Amino acid sequence: VLGSDARFPVRRVYCVGRNYAEHAAEMGADLRDPPFFFAKPAD
C-alpha cells in the first residue's frame, strides 16, 4: 500500500469481462450486456 508499511491481504480476485464498449465490439459482443465475471487465483 502506498504510503504505508502495512500490506493488503488478498482473499479473492474477480475480473469483469468486456466492460468497455470498444473492447466489447472488437471481441464481437453486444455493447450493453450485463457484466459477467470470472476469477483468478490470488497467487
PDB file of all heavy atoms in Angstrom:
ATOM      1  N   VAL A   1       0.862  -1.182   0.000  1.00  0.00           N
ATOM      2  CA  VAL A   1       0.000   0.000   0.000  1.00  0.00           C
ATOM      3  C   VAL A   1       0.897   1.230   0.000  1.00  0.00           C
ATOM      4  O   VAL A   1       1.794   1.352   0.845  1.00  0.00           O
ATOM      5  CB  VAL A   1      -0.923   0.009   1.235  1.00  0.00           C
ATOM      6  CG1 VAL A   1      -1.801   1.262   1.236  1.00  0.00           C
ATOM      7  CG2 VAL A   1      -1.779  -1.256   1.277  1.00  0.00           C
ATOM      8  N   LEU A   2       0.658   2.142  -0.925  1.00  0.00           N
ATOM      9  CA  LEU A   2       1.464   3.355  -0.997  1.00  0.00           C
ATOM     10  C   LEU A   2       1.314   4.177   0.273  1.00  0.00           C
ATOM     11  O   LEU A   2       0.208   4.364   0.785  1.00  0.00           O
ATOM     12  CB  LEU A   2       1.045   4.185  -2.209  1.00  0.00           C
ATOM     13  CG  LEU A   2       1.413   3.594  -3.577  1.00  0.00           C
ATOM     14  CD1 LEU A   2       0.714   4.364  -4.692  1.00  0.00           C
ATOM     15  CD2 LEU A   2       2.916   3.598  -3.795  1.00  0.00           C
ATOM     16  N   GLY A   3       2.448   4.649   0.808  1.00  0.00           N
ATOM     17  CA  GLY A   3       2.433   5.483   1.991  1.00  0.00           C
ATOM     18  C   GLY A   3       2.244   4.735   3.287  1.00  0.00           C
ATOM     19  O   GLY A   3       1.978   5.344   4.320  1.00  0.00           O
ATOM     20  N   SER A   4       2.386   3.404   3.262  1.00  0.00           N
ATOM     21  CA  SER A   4       2.158   2.600   4.464  1.00  0.00           C
ATOM     22  C   SER A   4       3.095   1.409   4.480  1.00  0.00           C
ATOM     23  O   SER A   4       3.474   0.881   3.429  1.00  0.00           O
ATOM     24  CB  SER A   4       0.699   2.125   4.505  1.00  0.00           C
ATOM     25  OG  SER A   4       0.493   1.228   5.581  1.00  0.00           O
ATOM     26  N   ASP A   5       3.462   0.968   5.687  1.00  0.00           N
ATOM     27  CA  ASP A   5       4.222  -0.270   5.833  1.00  0.00           C
ATOM     28  C   ASP A   5       3.307  -1.485   5.844  1.00  0.00           C
ATOM     29  O   ASP A   5       3.777  -2.624   5.733  1.00  0.00           O
ATOM     30  CB  ASP A   5       5.030  -0.240   7.140  1.00  0.00           C
ATOM     31  CG  ASP A   5       6.143   0.795   7.105  1.00  0.00           C
ATOM     32  OD1 ASP A   5       6.634   1.092   5.989  1.00  0.00           O
ATOM     33  OD2 ASP A   5       6.510   1.307   8.173  1.00  0.00           O
ATOM     34  N   ALA A   6       2.004  -1.255   6.035  1.00  0.00           N
ATOM     35  CA  ALA A   6       1.042  -2.354   6.061  1.00  0.00           C
ATOM     36  C   ALA A   6       0.780  -2.849   4.643  1.00  0.00           C
ATOM     37  O   ALA A   6       0.862  -2.090   3.670  1.00  0.00           O
ATOM     38  CB  ALA A   6      -0.264  -1.897   6.705  1.00  0.00           C
ATOM     39  N   ARG A   7       0.464  -4.112   4.524  1.00  0.00           N
ATOM     40  CA  ARG A   7       0.152  -4.707   3.235  1.00  0.00           C
ATOM     41  C   ARG A   7      -1.312  -5.152   3.220  1.00  0.00           C
ATOM     42  O   ARG A   7      -1.902  -5.416   4.260  1.00  0.00           O
ATOM     43  CB  ARG A   7       1.079  -5.889   2.939  1.00  0.00           C
ATOM     44  CG  ARG A   7       2.545  -5.472   2.783  1.00  0.00           C
ATOM     45  CD  ARG A   7       3.426  -6.675   2.494  1.00  0.00           C
ATOM     46  NE  ARG A   7       3.190  -7.251   1.185  1.00  0.00           N
ATOM     47  CZ  ARG A   7       3.887  -6.952   0.090  1.00  0.00           C
ATOM     48  NH1 ARG A   7       4.852  -6.047   0.139  1.00  0.00           N
ATOM     49  NH2 ARG A   7       3.621  -7.546  -1.068  1.00  0.00           N
ATOM     50  N   PHE A   8      -1.867  -5.241   2.030  1.00  0.00           N
ATOM     51  CA  PHE A   8      -3.259  -5.616   1.825  1.00  0.00           C
ATOM     52  C   PHE A   8      -3.326  -7.116   1.579  1.00  0.00           C
ATOM     53  O   PHE A   8      -2.832  -7.601   0.559  1.00  0.00           O
ATOM     54  CB  PHE A   8      -3.823  -4.855   0.626  1.00  0.00           C
ATOM     55  CG  PHE A   8      -5.265  -5.132   0.296  1.00  0.00           C
ATOM     56  CD1 PHE A   8      -6.279  -4.387   0.881  1.00  0.00           C
ATOM     57  CD2 PHE A   8      -5.603  -6.118  -0.610  1.00  0.00           C
ATOM     58  CE1 PHE A   8      -7.614  -4.621   0.559  1.00  0.00           C
ATOM     59  CE2 PHE A   8      -6.926  -6.366  -0.943  1.00  0.00           C
ATOM     60  CZ  PHE A   8      -7.940  -5.619  -0.352  1.00  0.00           C
ATOM     61  N   PRO A   9      -3.918  -7.907   2.514  1.00  0.00           N
ATOM     62  CA  PRO A   9      -4.005  -9.355   2.307  1.00  0.00           C
ATOM     63  C   PRO A   9      -5.122  -9.680   1.319  1.00  0.00           C
ATOM     64  O   PRO A   9      -6.248  -9.188   1.441  1.00  0.00           O
ATOM     65  CB  PRO A   9      -4.325  -9.888   3.701  1.00  0.00           C
ATOM     66  CG  PRO A   9      -5.065  -8.762   4.363  1.00  0.00           C
ATOM     67  CD  PRO A   9      -4.500  -7.488   3.797  1.00  0.00           C
ATOM     68  N   VAL A  10      -4.816 -10.497   0.341  1.00  0.00           N
ATOM     69  CA  VAL A  10      -5.770 -10.780  -0.740  1.00  0.00           C
ATOM     70  C   VAL A  10      -6.542 -12.060  -0.441  1.00  0.00           C
ATOM     71  O   VAL A  10      -5.958 -13.094  -0.109  1.00  0.00           O
ATOM     72  CB  VAL A  10      -5.045 -10.911  -2.089  1.00  0.00           C
ATOM     73  CG1 VAL A  10      -6.034 -11.255  -3.200  1.00  0.00           C
ATOM     74  CG2 VAL A  10      -4.304  -9.614  -2.414  1.00  0.00           C
ATOM     75  N   ARG A  11      -7.869 -11.961  -0.563  1.00  0.00           N
ATOM     76  CA  ARG A  11      -8.741 -13.124  -0.403  1.00  0.00           C
ATOM     77  C   ARG A  11      -9.083 -13.736  -1.765  1.00  0.00           C
ATOM     78  O   ARG A  11      -8.729 -14.865  -2.065  1.00  0.00           O
ATOM     79  CB  ARG A  11     -10.020 -12.736   0.342  1.00  0.00           C
ATOM     80  CG  ARG A  11     -10.891 -13.930   0.736  1.00  0.00           C
ATOM     81  CD  ARG A  11     -12.192 -13.493   1.385  1.00  0.00           C
ATOM     82  NE  ARG A  11     -13.180 -13.100   0.407  1.00  0.00           N
ATOM     83  CZ  ARG A  11     -14.338 -13.743   0.195  1.00  0.00           C
ATOM     84  NH1 ARG A  11     -14.640 -14.821   0.904  1.00  0.00           N
ATOM     85  NH2 ARG A  11     -15.194 -13.309  -0.705  1.00  0.00           N
ATOM     86  N   ARG A  12      -9.769 -12.983  -2.594  1.00  0.00           N
ATOM     87  CA  ARG A  12     -10.170 -13.466  -3.913  1.00  0.00           C
ATOM     88  C   ARG A  12      -9.871 -12.396  -4.960  1.00  0.00           C
ATOM     89  O   ARG A  12      -9.807 -11.215  -4.652  1.00  0.00           O
ATOM     90  CB  ARG A  12     -11.667 -13.799  -3.958  1.00  0.00           C
ATOM     91  CG  ARG A  12     -12.064 -14.964  -3.073  1.00  0.00           C
ATOM     92  CD  ARG A  12     -13.565 -15.201  -3.146  1.00  0.00           C
ATOM     93  NE  ARG A  12     -13.982 -16.319  -2.295  1.00  0.00           N
ATOM     94  CZ  ARG A  12     -15.248 -16.657  -2.084  1.00  0.00           C
ATOM     95  NH1 ARG A  12     -16.234 -15.967  -2.649  1.00  0.00           N
ATOM     96  NH2 ARG A  12     -15.538 -17.686  -1.300  1.00  0.00           N
ATOM     97  N   VAL A  13      -9.726 -12.846  -6.213  1.00  0.00           N
ATOM     98  CA  VAL A  13      -9.503 -11.940  -7.337  1.00  0.00           C
ATOM     99  C   VAL A  13     -10.603 -12.187  -8.368  1.00  0.00           C
ATOM    100  O   VAL A  13     -10.673 -13.263  -8.974  1.00  0.00           O
ATOM    101  CB  VAL A  13      -8.127 -12.165  -7.985  1.00  0.00           C
ATOM    102  CG1 VAL A  13      -7.932 -11.210  -9.161  1.00  0.00           C
ATOM    103  CG2 VAL A  13      -7.011 -11.996  -6.955  1.00  0.00           C
ATOM    104  N   TYR A  14     -11.469 -11.192  -8.528  1.00  0.00           N
ATOM    105  CA  TYR A  14     -12.539 -11.248  -9.520  1.00  0.00           C
ATOM    106  C   TYR A  14     -12.167 -10.368 -10.707  1.00  0.00           C
ATOM    107  O   TYR A  14     -11.459  -9.368 -10.565  1.00  0.00           O
ATOM    108  CB  TYR A  14     -13.855 -10.745  -8.932  1.00  0.00           C
ATOM    109  CG  TYR A  14     -14.376 -11.554  -7.775  1.00  0.00           C
ATOM    110  CD1 TYR A  14     -14.222 -11.113  -6.467  1.00  0.00           C
ATOM    111  CD2 TYR A  14     -15.041 -12.760  -7.994  1.00  0.00           C
ATOM    112  CE1 TYR A  14     -14.721 -11.854  -5.397  1.00  0.00           C
ATOM    113  CE2 TYR A  14     -15.535 -13.509  -6.926  1.00  0.00           C
ATOM    114  CZ  TYR A  14     -15.371 -13.047  -5.635  1.00  0.00           C
ATOM    115  OH  TYR A  14     -15.860 -13.788  -4.576  1.00  0.00           O
ATOM    116  N   CYS A  15     -12.671 -10.724 -11.884  1.00  0.00           N
ATOM    117  CA  CYS A  15     -12.423  -9.950 -13.097  1.00  0.00           C
ATOM    118  C   CYS A  15     -13.732  -9.762 -13.845  1.00  0.00           C
ATOM    119  O   CYS A  15     -14.575 -10.661 -13.881  1.00  0.00           O
ATOM    120  CB  CYS A  15     -11.426 -10.667 -14.013  1.00  0.00           C
ATOM    121  SG  CYS A  15      -9.841 -11.080 -13.247  1.00  0.00           S
ATOM    122  N   VAL A  16     -13.888  -8.585 -14.442  1.00  0.00           N
ATOM    123  CA  VAL A  16     -15.075  -8.264 -15.233  1.00  0.00           C
ATOM    124  C   VAL A  16     -14.728  -8.393 -16.709  1.00  0.00           C
ATOM    125  O   VAL A  16     -13.709  -7.858 -17.158  1.00  0.00           O
ATOM    126  CB  VAL A  16     -15.562  -6.832 -14.952  1.00  0.00           C
ATOM    127  CG1 VAL A  16     -16.874  -6.557 -15.684  1.00  0.00           C
ATOM    128  CG2 VAL A  16     -15.727  -6.599 -13.468  1.00  0.00           C
ATOM    129  N   GLY A  17     -15.568  -9.068 -17.453  1.00  0.00           N
ATOM    130  CA  GLY A  17     -15.336  -9.226 -18.884  1.00  0.00           C
ATOM    131  C   GLY A  17     -15.998  -8.129 -19.700  1.00  0.00           C
ATOM    132  O   GLY A  17     -17.123  -7.719 -19.408  1.00  0.00           O
ATOM    133  N   ARG A  18     -15.298  -7.614 -20.707  1.00  0.00           N
ATOM    134  CA  ARG A  18     -15.852  -6.717 -21.727  1.00  0.00           C
ATOM    135  C   ARG A  18     -16.602  -5.535 -21.136  1.00  0.00           C
ATOM    136  O   ARG A  18     -17.789  -5.327 -21.405  1.00  0.00           O
ATOM    137  CB  ARG A  18     -16.774  -7.504 -22.662  1.00  0.00           C
ATOM    138  CG  ARG A  18     -16.075  -8.640 -23.392  1.00  0.00           C
ATOM    139  CD  ARG A  18     -17.043  -9.480 -24.180  1.00  0.00           C
ATOM    140  NE  ARG A  18     -16.397 -10.680 -24.708  1.00  0.00           N
ATOM    141  CZ  ARG A  18     -17.050 -11.742 -25.154  1.00  0.00           C
ATOM    142  NH1 ARG A  18     -18.367 -11.769 -25.129  1.00  0.00           N
ATOM    143  NH2 ARG A  18     -16.389 -12.784 -25.612  1.00  0.00           N
ATOM    144  N   ASN A  19     -15.898  -4.731 -20.357  1.00  0.00           N
ATOM    145  CA  ASN A  19     -16.547  -3.612 -19.671  1.00  0.00           C
ATOM    146  C   ASN A  19     -16.248  -2.265 -20.318  1.00  0.00           C
ATOM    147  O   ASN A  19     -16.494  -1.222 -19.717  1.00  0.00           O
ATOM    148  CB  ASN A  19     -16.140  -3.586 -18.191  1.00  0.00           C
ATOM    149  CG  ASN A  19     -17.060  -2.713 -17.365  1.00  0.00           C
ATOM    150  OD1 ASN A  19     -18.232  -2.544 -17.679  1.00  0.00           O
ATOM    151  ND2 ASN A  19     -16.524  -2.126 -16.306  1.00  0.00           N
ATOM    152  N   TYR A  20     -15.689  -2.275 -21.524  1.00  0.00           N
ATOM    153  CA  TYR A  20     -15.516  -1.061 -22.315  1.00  0.00           C
ATOM    154  C   TYR A  20     -16.142  -1.333 -23.682  1.00  0.00           C
ATOM    155  O   TYR A  20     -15.904  -2.385 -24.284  1.00  0.00           O
ATOM    156  CB  TYR A  20     -14.046  -0.706 -22.494  1.00  0.00           C
ATOM    157  CG  TYR A  20     -13.368  -0.169 -21.252  1.00  0.00           C
ATOM    158  CD1 TYR A  20     -13.054  -1.007 -20.182  1.00  0.00           C
ATOM    159  CD2 TYR A  20     -13.015   1.175 -21.153  1.00  0.00           C
ATOM    160  CE1 TYR A  20     -12.430  -0.519 -19.047  1.00  0.00           C
ATOM    161  CE2 TYR A  20     -12.366   1.673 -20.023  1.00  0.00           C
ATOM    162  CZ  TYR A  20     -12.086   0.819 -18.980  1.00  0.00           C
ATOM    163  OH  TYR A  20     -11.449   1.298 -17.861  1.00  0.00           O
ATOM    164  N   ALA A  21     -16.931  -0.381 -24.182  1.00  0.00           N
ATOM    165  CA  ALA A  21     -17.709  -0.619 -25.397  1.00  0.00           C
ATOM    166  C   ALA A  21     -16.834  -0.997 -26.581  1.00  0.00           C
ATOM    167  O   ALA A  21     -17.138  -1.951 -27.310  1.00  0.00           O
ATOM    168  CB  ALA A  21     -18.534   0.624 -25.730  1.00  0.00           C
ATOM    169  N   GLU A  22     -15.712  -0.275 -26.792  1.00  0.00           N
ATOM    170  CA  GLU A  22     -14.881  -0.568 -27.959  1.00  0.00           C
ATOM    171  C   GLU A  22     -14.215  -1.929 -27.846  1.00  0.00           C
ATOM    172  O   GLU A  22     -14.042  -2.634 -28.842  1.00  0.00           O
ATOM    173  CB  GLU A  22     -13.832   0.537 -28.149  1.00  0.00           C
ATOM    174  CG  GLU A  22     -14.425   1.862 -28.607  1.00  0.00           C
ATOM    175  CD  GLU A  22     -13.355   2.893 -28.891  1.00  0.00           C
ATOM    176  OE1 GLU A  22     -12.157   2.558 -28.810  1.00  0.00           O
ATOM    177  OE2 GLU A  22     -13.718   4.047 -29.191  1.00  0.00           O
ATOM    178  N   HIS A  23     -13.828  -2.315 -26.621  1.00  0.00           N
ATOM    179  CA  HIS A  23     -13.249  -3.645 -26.452  1.00  0.00           C
ATOM    180  C   HIS A  23     -14.312  -4.710 -26.663  1.00  0.00           C
ATOM    181  O   HIS A  23     -14.046  -5.751 -27.288  1.00  0.00           O
ATOM    182  CB  HIS A  23     -12.635  -3.790 -25.062  1.00  0.00           C
ATOM    183  CG  HIS A  23     -12.114  -5.169 -24.776  1.00  0.00           C
ATOM    184  ND1 HIS A  23     -11.158  -5.783 -25.551  1.00  0.00           N
ATOM    185  CD2 HIS A  23     -12.440  -6.072 -23.804  1.00  0.00           C
ATOM    186  CE1 HIS A  23     -10.897  -6.989 -25.078  1.00  0.00           C
ATOM    187  NE2 HIS A  23     -11.675  -7.191 -24.022  1.00  0.00           N
ATOM    188  N   ALA A  24     -15.524  -4.472 -26.163  1.00  0.00           N
ATOM    189  CA  ALA A  24     -16.607  -5.431 -26.398  1.00  0.00           C
ATOM    190  C   ALA A  24     -16.833  -5.599 -27.895  1.00  0.00           C
ATOM    191  O   ALA A  24     -17.018  -6.722 -28.387  1.00  0.00           O
ATOM    192  CB  ALA A  24     -17.883  -4.959 -25.710  1.00  0.00           C
ATOM    193  N   ALA A  25     -16.803  -4.492 -28.633  1.00  0.00           N
ATOM    194  CA  ALA A  25     -17.012  -4.561 -30.079  1.00  0.00           C
ATOM    195  C   ALA A  25     -15.900  -5.346 -30.759  1.00  0.00           C
ATOM    196  O   ALA A  25     -16.155  -6.164 -31.657  1.00  0.00           O
ATOM    197  CB  ALA A  25     -17.108  -3.153 -30.659  1.00  0.00           C
ATOM    198  N   GLU A  26     -14.639  -5.117 -30.351  1.00  0.00           N
ATOM    199  CA  GLU A  26     -13.532  -5.819 -31.003  1.00  0.00           C
ATOM    200  C   GLU A  26     -13.545  -7.307 -30.673  1.00  0.00           C
ATOM    201  O   GLU A  26     -12.980  -8.115 -31.397  1.00  0.00           O
ATOM    202  CB  GLU A  26     -12.184  -5.180 -30.646  1.00  0.00           C
ATOM    203  CG  GLU A  26     -11.682  -5.438 -29.251  1.00  0.00           C
ATOM    204  CD  GLU A  26     -10.336  -4.756 -28.973  1.00  0.00           C
ATOM    205  OE1 GLU A  26      -9.735  -4.192 -29.916  1.00  0.00           O
ATOM    206  OE2 GLU A  26      -9.898  -4.792 -27.818  1.00  0.00           O
ATOM    207  N   MET A  27     -14.238  -7.676 -29.570  1.00  0.00           N
ATOM    208  CA  MET A  27     -14.375  -9.088 -29.210  1.00  0.00           C
ATOM    209  C   MET A  27     -15.703  -9.670 -29.707  1.00  0.00           C
ATOM    210  O   MET A  27     -16.032 -10.817 -29.426  1.00  0.00           O
ATOM    211  CB  MET A  27     -14.275  -9.256 -27.690  1.00  0.00           C
ATOM    212  CG  MET A  27     -12.956  -8.776 -27.096  1.00  0.00           C
ATOM    213  SD  MET A  27     -11.508  -9.598 -27.797  1.00  0.00           S
ATOM    214  CE  MET A  27     -11.699 -11.228 -27.079  1.00  0.00           C
ATOM    215  N   GLY A  28     -16.501  -8.855 -30.440  1.00  0.00           N
ATOM    216  CA  GLY A  28     -17.721  -9.347 -31.048  1.00  0.00           C
ATOM    217  C   GLY A  28     -18.900  -9.462 -30.119  1.00  0.00           C
ATOM    218  O   GLY A  28     -19.809 -10.280 -30.347  1.00  0.00           O
ATOM    219  N   ALA A  29     -18.945  -8.637 -29.059  1.00  0.00           N
ATOM    220  CA  ALA A  29     -20.022  -8.728 -28.073  1.00  0.00           C
ATOM    221  C   ALA A  29     -20.947  -7.521 -28.187  1.00  0.00           C
ATOM    222  O   ALA A  29     -20.586  -6.486 -28.749  1.00  0.00           O
ATOM    223  CB  ALA A  29     -19.443  -8.797 -26.671  1.00  0.00           C
ATOM    224  N   ASP A  30     -22.162  -7.668 -27.644  1.00  0.00           N
ATOM    225  CA  ASP A  30     -23.081  -6.539 -27.544  1.00  0.00           C
ATOM    226  C   ASP A  30     -22.511  -5.513 -26.574  1.00  0.00           C
ATOM    227  O   ASP A  30     -21.815  -5.850 -25.617  1.00  0.00           O
ATOM    228  CB  ASP A  30     -24.461  -6.999 -27.056  1.00  0.00           C
ATOM    229  CG  ASP A  30     -25.177  -7.850 -28.097  1.00  0.00           C
ATOM    230  OD1 ASP A  30     -24.853  -7.702 -29.284  1.00  0.00           O
ATOM    231  OD2 ASP A  30     -26.036  -8.655 -27.707  1.00  0.00           O
ATOM    232  N   LEU A  31     -22.835  -4.234 -26.779  1.00  0.00           N
ATOM    233  CA  LEU A  31     -22.186  -3.171 -26.034  1.00  0.00           C
ATOM    234  C   LEU A  31     -22.718  -2.993 -24.619  1.00  0.00           C
ATOM    235  O   LEU A  31     -22.025  -2.474 -23.759  1.00  0.00           O
ATOM    236  CB  LEU A  31     -22.316  -1.851 -26.804  1.00  0.00           C
ATOM    237  CG  LEU A  31     -21.722  -1.867 -28.218  1.00  0.00           C
ATOM    238  CD1 LEU A  31     -21.754  -0.477 -28.809  1.00  0.00           C
ATOM    239  CD2 LEU A  31     -20.303  -2.426 -28.227  1.00  0.00           C
ATOM    240  N   ARG A  32     -23.967  -3.369 -24.353  1.00  0.00           N
ATOM    241  CA  ARG A  32     -24.527  -3.144 -23.028  1.00  0.00           C
ATOM    242  C   ARG A  32     -25.018  -4.456 -22.423  1.00  0.00           C
ATOM    243  O   ARG A  32     -26.012  -4.511 -21.725  1.00  0.00           O
ATOM    244  CB  ARG A  32     -25.658  -2.121 -23.118  1.00  0.00           C
ATOM    245  CG  ARG A  32     -26.232  -1.636 -21.784  1.00  0.00           C
ATOM    246  CD  ARG A  32     -25.246  -0.857 -20.932  1.00  0.00           C
ATOM    247  NE  ARG A  32     -25.887  -0.386 -19.703  1.00  0.00           N
ATOM    248  CZ  ARG A  32     -25.274   0.240 -18.704  1.00  0.00           C
ATOM    249  NH1 ARG A  32     -23.985   0.492 -18.806  1.00  0.00           N
ATOM    250  NH2 ARG A  32     -25.923   0.623 -17.634  1.00  0.00           N
ATOM    251  N   ASP A  33     -24.306  -5.528 -22.691  1.00  0.00           N
ATOM    252  CA  ASP A  33     -24.596  -6.777 -21.996  1.00  0.00           C
ATOM    253  C   ASP A  33     -24.406  -6.581 -20.502  1.00  0.00           C
ATOM    254  O   ASP A  33     -23.539  -5.807 -20.078  1.00  0.00           O
ATOM    255  CB  ASP A  33     -23.652  -7.896 -22.463  1.00  0.00           C
ATOM    256  CG  ASP A  33     -24.109  -8.532 -23.764  1.00  0.00           C
ATOM    257  OD1 ASP A  33     -25.259  -8.288 -24.164  1.00  0.00           O
ATOM    258  OD2 ASP A  33     -23.305  -9.249 -24.377  1.00  0.00           O
ATOM    259  N   PRO A  34     -25.182  -7.273 -19.664  1.00  0.00           N
ATOM    260  CA  PRO A  34     -24.906  -7.219 -18.224  1.00  0.00           C
ATOM    261  C   PRO A  34     -23.477  -7.674 -17.956  1.00  0.00           C
ATOM    262  O   PRO A  34     -22.932  -8.510 -18.696  1.00  0.00           O
ATOM    263  CB  PRO A  34     -25.925  -8.207 -17.641  1.00  0.00           C
ATOM    264  CG  PRO A  34     -27.006  -8.276 -18.657  1.00  0.00           C
ATOM    265  CD  PRO A  34     -26.341  -8.118 -19.996  1.00  0.00           C
ATOM    266  N   PRO A  35     -22.837  -7.118 -16.931  1.00  0.00           N
ATOM    267  CA  PRO A  35     -21.450  -7.535 -16.647  1.00  0.00           C
ATOM    268  C   PRO A  35     -21.391  -9.016 -16.298  1.00  0.00           C
ATOM    269  O   PRO A  35     -22.299  -9.565 -15.687  1.00  0.00           O
ATOM    270  CB  PRO A  35     -21.062  -6.669 -15.448  1.00  0.00           C
ATOM    271  CG  PRO A  35     -22.351  -6.241 -14.839  1.00  0.00           C
ATOM    272  CD  PRO A  35     -23.342  -6.152 -15.950  1.00  0.00           C
ATOM    273  N   PHE A  36     -20.322  -9.665 -16.730  1.00  0.00           N
ATOM    274  CA  PHE A  36     -20.094 -11.054 -16.332  1.00  0.00           C
ATOM    275  C   PHE A  36     -18.715 -11.152 -15.718  1.00  0.00           C
ATOM    276  O   PHE A  36     -17.861 -10.287 -15.918  1.00  0.00           O
ATOM    277  CB  PHE A  36     -20.261 -12.032 -17.504  1.00  0.00           C
ATOM    278  CG  PHE A  36     -19.191 -11.936 -18.557  1.00  0.00           C
ATOM    279  CD1 PHE A  36     -18.068 -12.751 -18.506  1.00  0.00           C
ATOM    280  CD2 PHE A  36     -19.307 -11.048 -19.614  1.00  0.00           C
ATOM    281  CE1 PHE A  36     -17.081 -12.678 -19.471  1.00  0.00           C
ATOM    282  CE2 PHE A  36     -18.327 -10.965 -20.596  1.00  0.00           C
ATOM    283  CZ  PHE A  36     -17.212 -11.780 -20.518  1.00  0.00           C
ATOM    284  N   PHE A  37     -18.501 -12.207 -14.957  1.00  0.00           N
ATOM    285  CA  PHE A  37     -17.322 -12.283 -14.099  1.00  0.00           C
ATOM    286  C   PHE A  37     -16.618 -13.623 -14.250  1.00  0.00           C
ATOM    287  O   PHE A  37     -17.230 -14.647 -14.540  1.00  0.00           O
ATOM    288  CB  PHE A  37     -17.717 -12.083 -12.629  1.00  0.00           C
ATOM    289  CG  PHE A  37     -18.438 -10.792 -12.371  1.00  0.00           C
ATOM    290  CD1 PHE A  37     -19.827 -10.731 -12.401  1.00  0.00           C
ATOM    291  CD2 PHE A  37     -17.732  -9.618 -12.131  1.00  0.00           C
ATOM    292  CE1 PHE A  37     -20.492  -9.533 -12.184  1.00  0.00           C
ATOM    293  CE2 PHE A  37     -18.389  -8.417 -11.913  1.00  0.00           C
ATOM    294  CZ  PHE A  37     -19.775  -8.379 -11.944  1.00  0.00           C
ATOM    295  N   PHE A  38     -15.312 -13.588 -14.052  1.00  0.00           N
ATOM    296  CA  PHE A  38     -14.512 -14.797 -13.903  1.00  0.00           C
ATOM    297  C   PHE A  38     -13.506 -14.516 -12.798  1.00  0.00           C
ATOM    298  O   PHE A  38     -13.473 -13.416 -12.245  1.00  0.00           O
ATOM    299  CB  PHE A  38     -13.839 -15.196 -15.222  1.00  0.00           C
ATOM    300  CG  PHE A  38     -12.952 -14.143 -15.821  1.00  0.00           C
ATOM    301  CD1 PHE A  38     -11.588 -14.127 -15.569  1.00  0.00           C
ATOM    302  CD2 PHE A  38     -13.474 -13.158 -16.650  1.00  0.00           C
ATOM    303  CE1 PHE A  38     -10.759 -13.159 -16.118  1.00  0.00           C
ATOM    304  CE2 PHE A  38     -12.651 -12.176 -17.222  1.00  0.00           C
ATOM    305  CZ  PHE A  38     -11.301 -12.183 -16.949  1.00  0.00           C
ATOM    306  N   ALA A  39     -12.695 -15.489 -12.462  1.00  0.00           N
ATOM    307  CA  ALA A  39     -11.789 -15.328 -11.321  1.00  0.00           C
ATOM    308  C   ALA A  39     -10.391 -15.805 -11.671  1.00  0.00           C
ATOM    309  O   ALA A  39     -10.185 -16.618 -12.584  1.00  0.00           O
ATOM    310  CB  ALA A  39     -12.311 -16.101 -10.110  1.00  0.00           C
ATOM    311  N   LYS A  40      -9.431 -15.266 -10.950  1.00  0.00           N
ATOM    312  CA  LYS A  40      -8.057 -15.738 -10.978  1.00  0.00           C
ATOM    313  C   LYS A  40      -7.672 -16.113  -9.550  1.00  0.00           C
ATOM    314  O   LYS A  40      -8.197 -15.527  -8.588  1.00  0.00           O
ATOM    315  CB  LYS A  40      -7.106 -14.653 -11.487  1.00  0.00           C
ATOM    316  CG  LYS A  40      -7.262 -14.284 -12.961  1.00  0.00           C
ATOM    317  CD  LYS A  40      -6.336 -13.126 -13.330  1.00  0.00           C
ATOM    318  CE  LYS A  40      -6.476 -12.682 -14.767  1.00  0.00           C
ATOM    319  NZ  LYS A  40      -5.624 -13.449 -15.698  1.00  0.00           N
ATOM    320  N   PRO A  41      -6.776 -17.082  -9.365  1.00  0.00           N
ATOM    321  CA  PRO A  41      -6.322 -17.371  -8.008  1.00  0.00           C
ATOM    322  C   PRO A  41      -5.480 -16.230  -7.461  1.00  0.00           C
ATOM    323  O   PRO A  41      -4.821 -15.506  -8.217  1.00  0.00           O
ATOM    324  CB  PRO A  41      -5.481 -18.647  -8.177  1.00  0.00           C
ATOM    325  CG  PRO A  41      -5.031 -18.616  -9.597  1.00  0.00           C
ATOM    326  CD  PRO A  41      -6.133 -17.948 -10.376  1.00  0.00           C
ATOM    327  N   ALA A  42      -5.506 -16.051  -6.157  1.00  0.00           N
ATOM    328  CA  ALA A  42      -4.742 -14.963  -5.549  1.00  0.00           C
ATOM    329  C   ALA A  42      -3.258 -15.066  -5.878  1.00  0.00           C
ATOM    330  O   ALA A  42      -2.579 -14.047  -6.065  1.00  0.00           O
ATOM    331  CB  ALA A  42      -4.958 -14.954  -4.034  1.00  0.00           C
ATOM    332  N   ASP A  43      -2.738 -16.282  -5.976  1.00  0.00           N
ATOM    333  CA  ASP A  43      -1.303 -16.404  -6.223  1.00  0.00           C
ATOM    334  C   ASP A  43      -0.941 -16.214  -7.700  1.00  0.00           C
ATOM    335  O   ASP A  43       0.220 -16.354  -8.079  1.00  0.00           O
ATOM    336  CB  ASP A  43      -0.749 -17.718  -5.676  1.00  0.00           C
ATOM    337  CG  ASP A  43      -1.336 -18.961  -6.320  1.00  0.00           C
ATOM    338  OD1 ASP A  43      -2.149 -18.836  -7.261  1.00  0.00           O
ATOM    339  OD2 ASP A  43      -0.991 -20.070  -5.877  1.00  0.00           O
TER     340      ASP A  43
END
